[in-house]
PDB file of N, CA and C in Angstrom:
ATOM      1  N   UNK A   1     -35.509  18.443 -45.280  1.00  0.00           N
ATOM      2  CA  UNK A   1     -34.624  19.576 -45.103  1.00  0.00           C
ATOM      3  C   UNK A   1     -35.136  20.735 -45.948  1.00  0.00           C
ATOM      4  N   UNK A   2     -35.084  21.914 -45.391  1.00  0.00           N
ATOM      5  CA  UNK A   2     -35.483  23.125 -46.107  1.00  0.00           C
ATOM      6  C   UNK A   2     -34.313  23.638 -46.944  1.00  0.00           C
ATOM      7  N   UNK A   3     -34.647  24.414 -47.940  1.00  0.00           N
ATOM      8  CA  UNK A   3     -33.615  24.982 -48.823  1.00  0.00           C
ATOM      9  C   UNK A   3     -32.594  25.803 -48.043  1.00  0.00           C
ATOM     10  N   UNK A   4     -33.048  26.573 -47.065  1.00  0.00           N
ATOM     11  CA  UNK A   4     -32.121  27.405 -46.292  1.00  0.00           C
ATOM     12  C   UNK A   4     -31.114  26.542 -45.526  1.00  0.00           C
ATOM     13  N   UNK A   5     -31.548  25.402 -45.021  1.00  0.00           N
ATOM     14  CA  UNK A   5     -30.638  24.494 -44.315  1.00  0.00           C
ATOM     15  C   UNK A   5     -29.640  23.881 -45.291  1.00  0.00           C
ATOM     16  N   UNK A   6     -30.105  23.518 -46.468  1.00  0.00           N
ATOM     17  CA  UNK A   6     -29.219  22.950 -47.481  1.00  0.00           C
ATOM     18  C   UNK A   6     -28.165  23.973 -47.893  1.00  0.00           C
ATOM     19  N   UNK A   7     -28.571  25.215 -48.065  1.00  0.00           N
ATOM     20  CA  UNK A   7     -27.626  26.270 -48.433  1.00  0.00           C
ATOM     21  C   UNK A   7     -26.576  26.437 -47.336  1.00  0.00           C
ATOM     22  N   UNK A   8     -26.987  26.381 -46.082  1.00  0.00           N
ATOM     23  CA  UNK A   8     -26.049  26.487 -44.967  1.00  0.00           C
ATOM     24  C   UNK A   8     -25.017  25.356 -45.005  1.00  0.00           C
ATOM     25  N   UNK A   9     -25.482  24.140 -45.228  1.00  0.00           N
ATOM     26  CA  UNK A   9     -24.577  22.984 -45.299  1.00  0.00           C
ATOM     27  C   UNK A   9     -23.632  23.090 -46.492  1.00  0.00           C
ATOM     28  N   UNK A  10     -24.187  23.414 -47.633  1.00  0.00           N
ATOM     29  CA  UNK A  10     -23.359  23.506 -48.839  1.00  0.00           C
ATOM     30  C   UNK A  10     -22.364  24.660 -48.746  1.00  0.00           C
ATOM     31  N   UNK A  11     -22.780  25.765 -48.135  1.00  0.00           N
ATOM     32  CA  UNK A  11     -21.862  26.898 -47.941  1.00  0.00           C
ATOM     33  C   UNK A  11     -20.713  26.508 -47.020  1.00  0.00           C
ATOM     34  N   UNK A  12     -21.026  25.733 -45.985  1.00  0.00           N
ATOM     35  CA  UNK A  12     -19.981  25.289 -45.058  1.00  0.00           C
ATOM     36  C   UNK A  12     -18.961  24.407 -45.770  1.00  0.00           C
ATOM     37  N   UNK A  13     -19.415  23.611 -46.710  1.00  0.00           N
ATOM     38  CA  UNK A  13     -18.521  22.696 -47.428  1.00  0.00           C
ATOM     39  C   UNK A  13     -17.832  23.353 -48.622  1.00  0.00           C
ATOM     40  N   UNK A  14     -18.264  24.553 -48.992  1.00  0.00           N
ATOM     41  CA  UNK A  14     -17.754  25.225 -50.188  1.00  0.00           C
ATOM     42  C   UNK A  14     -16.476  26.010 -49.903  1.00  0.00           C
ATOM     43  N   UNK A  15     -15.599  25.408 -49.153  1.00  0.00           N
ATOM     44  CA  UNK A  15     -14.303  26.003 -48.829  1.00  0.00           C
ATOM     45  C   UNK A  15     -13.316  24.845 -48.723  1.00  0.00           C
ATOM     46  N   UNK A  16     -12.199  24.949 -49.405  1.00  0.00           N
ATOM     47  CA  UNK A  16     -11.271  23.821 -49.470  1.00  0.00           C
ATOM     48  C   UNK A  16     -10.816  23.350 -48.088  1.00  0.00           C
ATOM     49  N   UNK A  17     -10.512  24.282 -47.213  1.00  0.00           N
ATOM     50  CA  UNK A  17     -10.060  23.917 -45.870  1.00  0.00           C
ATOM     51  C   UNK A  17     -11.139  23.204 -45.074  1.00  0.00           C
ATOM     52  N   UNK A  18     -12.357  23.744 -45.113  1.00  0.00           N
ATOM     53  CA  UNK A  18     -13.464  23.101 -44.380  1.00  0.00           C
ATOM     54  C   UNK A  18     -13.794  21.748 -44.979  1.00  0.00           C
ATOM     55  N   UNK A  19     -13.754  21.655 -46.291  1.00  0.00           N
ATOM     56  CA  UNK A  19     -14.032  20.368 -46.934  1.00  0.00           C
ATOM     57  C   UNK A  19     -12.992  19.332 -46.516  1.00  0.00           C
ATOM     58  N   UNK A  20     -11.724  19.727 -46.449  1.00  0.00           N
ATOM     59  CA  UNK A  20     -10.675  18.806 -46.015  1.00  0.00           C
ATOM     60  C   UNK A  20     -10.869  18.370 -44.567  1.00  0.00           C
ATOM     61  N   UNK A  21     -11.243  19.303 -43.707  1.00  0.00           N
ATOM     62  CA  UNK A  21     -11.505  18.971 -42.299  1.00  0.00           C
ATOM     63  C   UNK A  21     -12.699  18.025 -42.210  1.00  0.00           C
ATOM     64  N   UNK A  22     -13.749  18.322 -42.950  1.00  0.00           N
ATOM     65  CA  UNK A  22     -14.943  17.468 -42.940  1.00  0.00           C
ATOM     66  C   UNK A  22     -14.597  16.061 -43.422  1.00  0.00           C
ATOM     67  N   UNK A  23     -13.842  15.958 -44.497  1.00  0.00           N
ATOM     68  CA  UNK A  23     -13.463  14.636 -45.025  1.00  0.00           C
ATOM     69  C   UNK A  23     -12.595  13.873 -44.030  1.00  0.00           C
ATOM     70  N   UNK A  24     -11.726  14.573 -43.319  1.00  0.00           N
ATOM     71  CA  UNK A  24     -10.908  13.917 -42.294  1.00  0.00           C
ATOM     72  C   UNK A  24     -11.794  13.372 -41.181  1.00  0.00           C
ATOM     73  N   UNK A  25     -12.850  14.095 -40.845  1.00  0.00           N
ATOM     74  CA  UNK A  25     -13.786  13.612 -39.829  1.00  0.00           C
ATOM     75  C   UNK A  25     -14.583  12.417 -40.334  1.00  0.00           C
ATOM     76  N   UNK A  26     -14.969  12.431 -41.601  1.00  0.00           N
ATOM     77  CA  UNK A  26     -15.674  11.286 -42.180  1.00  0.00           C
ATOM     78  C   UNK A  26     -14.782  10.050 -42.114  1.00  0.00           C
ATOM     79  N   UNK A  27     -13.511  10.221 -42.443  1.00  0.00           N
ATOM     80  CA  UNK A  27     -12.565   9.104 -42.439  1.00  0.00           C
ATOM     81  C   UNK A  27     -12.333   8.552 -41.035  1.00  0.00           C
ATOM     82  N   UNK A  28     -12.508   9.382 -40.031  1.00  0.00           N
ATOM     83  CA  UNK A  28     -12.246   8.952 -38.658  1.00  0.00           C
ATOM     84  C   UNK A  28     -13.500   8.464 -37.934  1.00  0.00           C
ATOM     85  N   UNK A  29     -14.597   8.395 -38.649  1.00  0.00           N
ATOM     86  CA  UNK A  29     -15.868   7.983 -38.021  1.00  0.00           C
ATOM     87  C   UNK A  29     -15.767   6.548 -37.533  1.00  0.00           C
ATOM     88  N   UNK A  30     -16.415   6.201 -36.453  1.00  0.00           N
ATOM     89  CA  UNK A  30     -17.289   7.048 -35.644  1.00  0.00           C
ATOM     90  C   UNK A  30     -16.567   7.777 -34.514  1.00  0.00           C
ATOM     91  N   UNK A  31     -15.259   7.514 -34.312  1.00  0.00           N
ATOM     92  CA  UNK A  31     -14.550   8.080 -33.164  1.00  0.00           C
ATOM     93  C   UNK A  31     -14.397   9.592 -33.227  1.00  0.00           C
ATOM     94  N   UNK A  32     -14.199  10.116 -34.423  1.00  0.00           N
ATOM     95  CA  UNK A  32     -13.955  11.540 -34.581  1.00  0.00           C
ATOM     96  C   UNK A  32     -12.523  11.897 -34.237  1.00  0.00           C
ATOM     97  N   UNK A  33     -12.248  13.183 -34.205  1.00  0.00           N
ATOM     98  CA  UNK A  33     -10.896  13.665 -33.936  1.00  0.00           C
ATOM     99  C   UNK A  33     -10.945  14.953 -33.137  1.00  0.00           C
ATOM    100  N   UNK A  34      -9.872  15.190 -32.415  1.00  0.00           N
ATOM    101  CA  UNK A  34      -9.701  16.442 -31.693  1.00  0.00           C
ATOM    102  C   UNK A  34      -9.062  17.479 -32.625  1.00  0.00           C
ATOM    103  N   UNK A  35      -9.099  18.727 -32.211  1.00  0.00           N
ATOM    104  CA  UNK A  35      -8.577  19.819 -33.033  1.00  0.00           C
ATOM    105  C   UNK A  35      -7.119  19.578 -33.407  1.00  0.00           C
ATOM    106  N   UNK A  36      -6.308  19.191 -32.446  1.00  0.00           N
ATOM    107  CA  UNK A  36      -4.888  18.967 -32.725  1.00  0.00           C
ATOM    108  C   UNK A  36      -4.660  17.860 -33.733  1.00  0.00           C
ATOM    109  N   UNK A  37      -5.446  16.802 -33.633  1.00  0.00           N
ATOM    110  CA  UNK A  37      -5.336  15.699 -34.591  1.00  0.00           C
ATOM    111  C   UNK A  37      -5.714  16.170 -35.990  1.00  0.00           C
ATOM    112  N   UNK A  38      -6.781  16.954 -36.062  1.00  0.00           N
ATOM    113  CA  UNK A  38      -7.214  17.488 -37.357  1.00  0.00           C
ATOM    114  C   UNK A  38      -6.170  18.432 -37.943  1.00  0.00           C
ATOM    115  N   UNK A  39      -5.578  19.254 -37.094  1.00  0.00           N
ATOM    116  CA  UNK A  39      -4.547  20.177 -37.569  1.00  0.00           C
ATOM    117  C   UNK A  39      -3.387  19.403 -38.182  1.00  0.00           C
ATOM    118  N   UNK A  40      -2.996  18.319 -37.533  1.00  0.00           N
ATOM    119  CA  UNK A  40      -1.893  17.517 -38.041  1.00  0.00           C
ATOM    120  C   UNK A  40      -2.210  16.843 -39.357  1.00  0.00           C
ATOM    121  N   UNK A  41      -3.356  16.207 -39.438  1.00  0.00           N
ATOM    122  CA  UNK A  41      -3.663  15.460 -40.665  1.00  0.00           C
ATOM    123  C   UNK A  41      -4.041  16.378 -41.822  1.00  0.00           C
ATOM    124  N   UNK A  42      -4.560  17.557 -41.525  1.00  0.00           N
ATOM    125  CA  UNK A  42      -4.947  18.494 -42.598  1.00  0.00           C
ATOM    126  C   UNK A  42      -3.864  19.521 -42.899  1.00  0.00           C
ATOM    127  N   UNK A  43      -2.780  19.475 -42.133  1.00  0.00           N
ATOM    128  CA  UNK A  43      -1.657  20.404 -42.314  1.00  0.00           C
ATOM    129  C   UNK A  43      -2.099  21.868 -42.225  1.00  0.00           C
ATOM    130  N   UNK A  44      -2.900  22.139 -41.171  1.00  0.00           N
ATOM    131  CA  UNK A  44      -3.379  23.490 -40.890  1.00  0.00           C
ATOM    132  C   UNK A  44      -3.027  23.823 -39.451  1.00  0.00           C
ATOM    133  N   UNK A  45      -2.982  25.120 -39.121  1.00  0.00           N
ATOM    134  CA  UNK A  45      -2.727  25.457 -37.721  1.00  0.00           C
ATOM    135  C   UNK A  45      -4.010  25.294 -36.905  1.00  0.00           C
ATOM    136  N   UNK A  46      -3.844  25.172 -35.611  1.00  0.00           N
ATOM    137  CA  UNK A  46      -4.969  24.880 -34.729  1.00  0.00           C
ATOM    138  C   UNK A  46      -6.035  25.978 -34.790  1.00  0.00           C
ATOM    139  N   UNK A  47      -5.627  27.226 -34.876  1.00  0.00           N
ATOM    140  CA  UNK A  47      -6.587  28.327 -34.958  1.00  0.00           C
ATOM    141  C   UNK A  47      -7.451  28.232 -36.208  1.00  0.00           C
ATOM    142  N   UNK A  48      -6.828  27.904 -37.313  1.00  0.00           N
ATOM    143  CA  UNK A  48      -7.571  27.753 -38.564  1.00  0.00           C
ATOM    144  C   UNK A  48      -8.557  26.602 -38.481  1.00  0.00           C
ATOM    145  N   UNK A  49      -8.109  25.466 -37.930  1.00  0.00           N
ATOM    146  CA  UNK A  49      -8.991  24.307 -37.786  1.00  0.00           C
ATOM    147  C   UNK A  49     -10.165  24.652 -36.876  1.00  0.00           C
ATOM    148  N   UNK A  50      -9.910  25.350 -35.793  1.00  0.00           N
ATOM    149  CA  UNK A  50     -10.986  25.740 -34.879  1.00  0.00           C
ATOM    150  C   UNK A  50     -12.023  26.602 -35.592  1.00  0.00           C
ATOM    151  N   UNK A  51     -11.561  27.532 -36.415  1.00  0.00           N
ATOM    152  CA  UNK A  51     -12.480  28.391 -37.166  1.00  0.00           C
ATOM    153  C   UNK A  51     -13.301  27.565 -38.159  1.00  0.00           C
ATOM    154  N   UNK A  52     -12.649  26.613 -38.834  1.00  0.00           N
ATOM    155  CA  UNK A  52     -13.355  25.767 -39.802  1.00  0.00           C
ATOM    156  C   UNK A  52     -14.388  24.896 -39.082  1.00  0.00           C
ATOM    157  N   UNK A  53     -14.024  24.348 -37.930  1.00  0.00           N
ATOM    158  CA  UNK A  53     -14.948  23.512 -37.160  1.00  0.00           C
ATOM    159  C   UNK A  53     -16.165  24.310 -36.705  1.00  0.00           C
ATOM    160  N   UNK A  54     -15.956  25.560 -36.360  1.00  0.00           N
ATOM    161  CA  UNK A  54     -17.067  26.413 -35.926  1.00  0.00           C
ATOM    162  C   UNK A  54     -18.098  26.569 -37.035  1.00  0.00           C
ATOM    163  N   UNK A  55     -17.647  26.811 -38.253  1.00  0.00           N
ATOM    164  CA  UNK A  55     -18.566  26.967 -39.387  1.00  0.00           C
ATOM    165  C   UNK A  55     -19.296  25.650 -39.665  1.00  0.00           C
ATOM    166  N   UNK A  56     -18.555  24.543 -39.652  1.00  0.00           N
ATOM    167  CA  UNK A  56     -19.179  23.232 -39.896  1.00  0.00           C
ATOM    168  C   UNK A  56     -20.193  22.895 -38.810  1.00  0.00           C
ATOM    169  N   UNK A  57     -19.883  23.244 -37.568  1.00  0.00           N
ATOM    170  CA  UNK A  57     -20.811  22.973 -36.462  1.00  0.00           C
ATOM    171  C   UNK A  57     -22.063  23.834 -36.573  1.00  0.00           C
ATOM    172  N   UNK A  58     -21.908  25.095 -36.966  1.00  0.00           N
ATOM    173  CA  UNK A  58     -23.075  25.972 -37.135  1.00  0.00           C
ATOM    174  C   UNK A  58     -24.031  25.435 -38.189  1.00  0.00           C
ATOM    175  N   UNK A  59     -23.501  24.768 -39.192  1.00  0.00           N
ATOM    176  CA  UNK A  59     -24.353  24.208 -40.245  1.00  0.00           C
ATOM    177  C   UNK A  59     -25.018  22.911 -39.800  1.00  0.00           C
ATOM    178  N   UNK A  60     -24.546  22.346 -38.693  1.00  0.00           N
ATOM    179  CA  UNK A  60     -25.106  21.097 -38.193  1.00  0.00           C
ATOM    180  C   UNK A  60     -24.449  19.856 -38.772  1.00  0.00           C
ATOM    181  N   UNK A  61     -23.435  20.027 -39.606  1.00  0.00           N
ATOM    182  CA  UNK A  61     -22.786  18.872 -40.222  1.00  0.00           C
ATOM    183  C   UNK A  61     -21.895  18.102 -39.253  1.00  0.00           C
ATOM    184  N   UNK A  62     -21.418  18.780 -38.208  1.00  0.00           N
ATOM    185  CA  UNK A  62     -20.587  18.124 -37.198  1.00  0.00           C
ATOM    186  C   UNK A  62     -21.033  18.575 -35.817  1.00  0.00           C
ATOM    187  N   UNK A  63     -20.562  17.857 -34.821  1.00  0.00           N
ATOM    188  CA  UNK A  63     -20.779  18.282 -33.442  1.00  0.00           C
ATOM    189  C   UNK A  63     -19.537  17.917 -32.642  1.00  0.00           C
ATOM    190  N   UNK A  64     -19.343  18.621 -31.533  1.00  0.00           N
ATOM    191  CA  UNK A  64     -18.210  18.373 -30.667  1.00  0.00           C
ATOM    192  C   UNK A  64     -18.675  17.852 -29.325  1.00  0.00           C
ATOM    193  N   UNK A  65     -17.897  16.947 -28.769  1.00  0.00           N
ATOM    194  CA  UNK A  65     -18.216  16.353 -27.473  1.00  0.00           C
ATOM    195  C   UNK A  65     -16.959  16.349 -26.620  1.00  0.00           C
ATOM    196  N   UNK A  66     -17.093  16.858 -25.403  1.00  0.00           N
ATOM    197  CA  UNK A  66     -15.944  16.902 -24.508  1.00  0.00           C
ATOM    198  C   UNK A  66     -15.530  15.488 -24.138  1.00  0.00           C
ATOM    199  N   UNK A  67     -14.229  15.253 -24.225  1.00  0.00           N
ATOM    200  CA  UNK A  67     -13.649  13.979 -23.833  1.00  0.00           C
ATOM    201  C   UNK A  67     -12.390  14.312 -23.038  1.00  0.00           C
ATOM    202  N   UNK A  68     -12.530  14.282 -21.730  1.00  0.00           N
ATOM    203  CA  UNK A  68     -11.411  14.695 -20.888  1.00  0.00           C
ATOM    204  C   UNK A  68     -11.144  16.173 -21.047  1.00  0.00           C
ATOM    205  N   UNK A  69      -9.909  16.494 -21.412  1.00  0.00           N
ATOM    206  CA  UNK A  69      -9.521  17.901 -21.558  1.00  0.00           C
ATOM    207  C   UNK A  69      -9.730  18.448 -22.961  1.00  0.00           C
ATOM    208  N   UNK A  70     -10.120  17.616 -23.892  1.00  0.00           N
ATOM    209  CA  UNK A  70     -10.281  18.106 -25.266  1.00  0.00           C
ATOM    210  C   UNK A  70     -11.707  17.855 -25.759  1.00  0.00           C
ATOM    211  N   UNK A  71     -11.984  18.432 -26.889  1.00  0.00           N
ATOM    212  CA  UNK A  71     -13.276  18.227 -27.545  1.00  0.00           C
ATOM    213  C   UNK A  71     -13.023  17.407 -28.798  1.00  0.00           C
ATOM    214  N   UNK A  72     -13.750  16.322 -28.934  1.00  0.00           N
ATOM    215  CA  UNK A  72     -13.666  15.479 -30.136  1.00  0.00           C
ATOM    216  C   UNK A  72     -14.840  15.848 -31.032  1.00  0.00           C
ATOM    217  N   UNK A  73     -14.529  16.033 -32.298  1.00  0.00           N
ATOM    218  CA  UNK A  73     -15.544  16.393 -33.280  1.00  0.00           C
ATOM    219  C   UNK A  73     -15.900  15.179 -34.115  1.00  0.00           C
ATOM    220  N   UNK A  74     -17.187  15.062 -34.398  1.00  0.00           N
ATOM    221  CA  UNK A  74     -17.695  13.936 -35.173  1.00  0.00           C
ATOM    222  C   UNK A  74     -18.693  14.445 -36.204  1.00  0.00           C
ATOM    223  N   UNK A  75     -18.809  13.705 -37.289  1.00  0.00           N
ATOM    224  CA  UNK A  75     -19.769  14.038 -38.333  1.00  0.00           C
ATOM    225  C   UNK A  75     -21.168  13.676 -37.856  1.00  0.00           C
ATOM    226  N   UNK A  76     -22.104  14.558 -38.139  1.00  0.00           N
ATOM    227  CA  UNK A  76     -23.517  14.289 -37.873  1.00  0.00           C
ATOM    228  C   UNK A  76     -24.087  13.641 -39.145  1.00  0.00           C
ATOM    229  N   UNK A  77     -24.005  12.312 -39.202  1.00  0.00           N
ATOM    230  CA  UNK A  77     -24.397  11.611 -40.417  1.00  0.00           C
ATOM    231  C   UNK A  77     -25.898  11.726 -40.708  1.00  0.00           C
ATOM    232  N   UNK A  78     -26.692  11.964 -39.707  1.00  0.00           N
ATOM    233  CA  UNK A  78     -28.127  12.176 -39.943  1.00  0.00           C
ATOM    234  C   UNK A  78     -28.329  13.452 -40.765  1.00  0.00           C
ATOM    235  N   UNK A  79     -27.581  14.495 -40.424  1.00  0.00           N
ATOM    236  CA  UNK A  79     -27.666  15.759 -41.164  1.00  0.00           C
ATOM    237  C   UNK A  79     -27.147  15.576 -42.596  1.00  0.00           C
ATOM    238  N   UNK A  80     -26.049  14.840 -42.743  1.00  0.00           N
ATOM    239  CA  UNK A  80     -25.494  14.571 -44.071  1.00  0.00           C
ATOM    240  C   UNK A  80     -26.508  13.794 -44.907  1.00  0.00           C
ATOM    241  N   UNK A  81     -27.141  12.812 -44.296  1.00  0.00           N
ATOM    242  CA  UNK A  81     -28.161  12.028 -44.984  1.00  0.00           C
ATOM    243  C   UNK A  81     -29.333  12.912 -45.415  1.00  0.00           C
ATOM    244  N   UNK A  82     -29.748  13.823 -44.534  1.00  0.00           N
ATOM    245  CA  UNK A  82     -30.821  14.764 -44.891  1.00  0.00           C
ATOM    246  C   UNK A  82     -30.420  15.632 -46.081  1.00  0.00           C
ATOM    247  N   UNK A  83     -29.170  16.101 -46.086  1.00  0.00           N
ATOM    248  CA  UNK A  83     -28.686  16.933 -47.190  1.00  0.00           C
ATOM    249  C   UNK A  83     -28.685  16.147 -48.490  1.00  0.00           C
ATOM    250  N   UNK A  84     -28.154  14.939 -48.452  1.00  0.00           N
ATOM    251  CA  UNK A  84     -28.120  14.123 -49.670  1.00  0.00           C
ATOM    252  C   UNK A  84     -29.529  13.789 -50.148  1.00  0.00           C
ATOM    253  N   UNK A  85     -30.419  13.505 -49.227  1.00  0.00           N
ATOM    254  CA  UNK A  85     -31.814  13.251 -49.591  1.00  0.00           C
ATOM    255  C   UNK A  85     -32.452  14.459 -50.251  1.00  0.00           C
ATOM    256  N   UNK A  86     -32.181  15.649 -49.697  1.00  0.00           N
ATOM    257  CA  UNK A  86     -32.702  16.889 -50.270  1.00  0.00           C
ATOM    258  C   UNK A  86     -32.190  17.068 -51.697  1.00  0.00           C
ATOM    259  N   UNK A  87     -30.896  16.820 -51.903  1.00  0.00           N
ATOM    260  CA  UNK A  87     -30.306  17.006 -53.226  1.00  0.00           C
ATOM    261  C   UNK A  87     -30.837  16.013 -54.251  1.00  0.00           C
ATOM    262  N   UNK A  88     -31.162  14.820 -53.805  1.00  0.00           N
ATOM    263  CA  UNK A  88     -31.568  13.751 -54.722  1.00  0.00           C
ATOM    264  C   UNK A  88     -33.081  13.540 -54.804  1.00  0.00           C
ATOM    265  N   UNK A  89     -33.837  14.248 -54.008  1.00  0.00           N
ATOM    266  CA  UNK A  89     -35.278  14.025 -53.892  1.00  0.00           C
ATOM    267  C   UNK A  89     -36.004  14.017 -55.237  1.00  0.00           C
ATOM    268  N   UNK A  90     -35.711  14.944 -56.073  1.00  0.00           N
ATOM    269  CA  UNK A  90     -36.437  15.071 -57.337  1.00  0.00           C
ATOM    270  C   UNK A  90     -35.629  14.554 -58.523  1.00  0.00           C
ATOM    271  N   UNK A  91     -34.648  13.747 -58.238  1.00  0.00           N
ATOM    272  CA  UNK A  91     -33.746  13.251 -59.270  1.00  0.00           C
ATOM    273  C   UNK A  91     -34.450  12.343 -60.270  1.00  0.00           C
ATOM    274  N   UNK A  92     -34.116  12.523 -61.513  1.00  0.00           N
ATOM    275  CA  UNK A  92     -34.384  11.546 -62.568  1.00  0.00           C
ATOM    276  C   UNK A  92     -35.870  11.252 -62.784  1.00  0.00           C
ATOM    277  N   UNK A  93     -36.706  12.216 -62.567  1.00  0.00           N
ATOM    278  CA  UNK A  93     -38.127  12.037 -62.821  1.00  0.00           C
ATOM    279  C   UNK A  93     -38.757  10.907 -62.015  1.00  0.00           C
ATOM    280  N   UNK A  94     -38.242  10.689 -60.807  1.00  0.00           N
ATOM    281  CA  UNK A  94     -38.810   9.668 -59.949  1.00  0.00           C
ATOM    282  C   UNK A  94     -38.188   8.290 -60.099  1.00  0.00           C
ATOM    283  N   UNK A  95     -37.344   8.095 -61.106  1.00  0.00           N
ATOM    284  CA  UNK A  95     -36.677   6.803 -61.260  1.00  0.00           C
ATOM    285  C   UNK A  95     -35.540   6.718 -60.248  1.00  0.00           C
ATOM    286  N   UNK A  96     -35.269   5.527 -59.733  1.00  0.00           N
ATOM    287  CA  UNK A  96     -34.165   5.430 -58.792  1.00  0.00           C
ATOM    288  C   UNK A  96     -32.848   5.430 -59.556  1.00  0.00           C
ATOM    289  N   UNK A  97     -31.772   5.656 -58.839  1.00  0.00           N
ATOM    290  CA  UNK A  97     -30.473   5.803 -59.481  1.00  0.00           C
ATOM    291  C   UNK A  97     -29.989   4.525 -60.142  1.00  0.00           C
ATOM    292  N   UNK A  98     -30.372   3.376 -59.623  1.00  0.00           N
ATOM    293  CA  UNK A  98     -29.984   2.104 -60.239  1.00  0.00           C
ATOM    294  C   UNK A  98     -30.536   1.990 -61.651  1.00  0.00           C
ATOM    295  N   UNK A  99     -31.729   2.519 -61.870  1.00  0.00           N
ATOM    296  CA  UNK A  99     -32.336   2.479 -63.194  1.00  0.00           C
ATOM    297  C   UNK A  99     -31.608   3.393 -64.181  1.00  0.00           C
ATOM    298  N   UNK A 100     -30.859   4.358 -63.667  1.00  0.00           N
ATOM    299  CA  UNK A 100     -30.194   5.344 -64.521  1.00  0.00           C
ATOM    300  C   UNK A 100     -28.821   4.864 -64.981  1.00  0.00           C
ATOM    301  N   UNK A 101     -28.286   3.825 -64.369  1.00  0.00           N
ATOM    302  CA  UNK A 101     -26.942   3.358 -64.727  1.00  0.00           C
ATOM    303  C   UNK A 101     -26.934   2.585 -66.008  1.00  0.00           C
TER     304      UNK A 101
END
């Protein structure tokens, strides 16, 4: 992952509402959730959730898939894994995290 991609992902998560929506999607994996379901569990209105989902989708952290009349959103765990790998790549002078505990 390039630094610009990492910044995009981290910027998307650097908002309490988006972070809550993202965490709700992580909890619902692998099925994901529709906008209305997310609005209910995150206690946000549907318009706000839609706006938050748009930012998360632009960063590549989530994607939406049509299911009947609604769109279900799911976490893109490959992208999350890339982000975590980028953040941890140079950690601890090359020692693995188990050695650091």
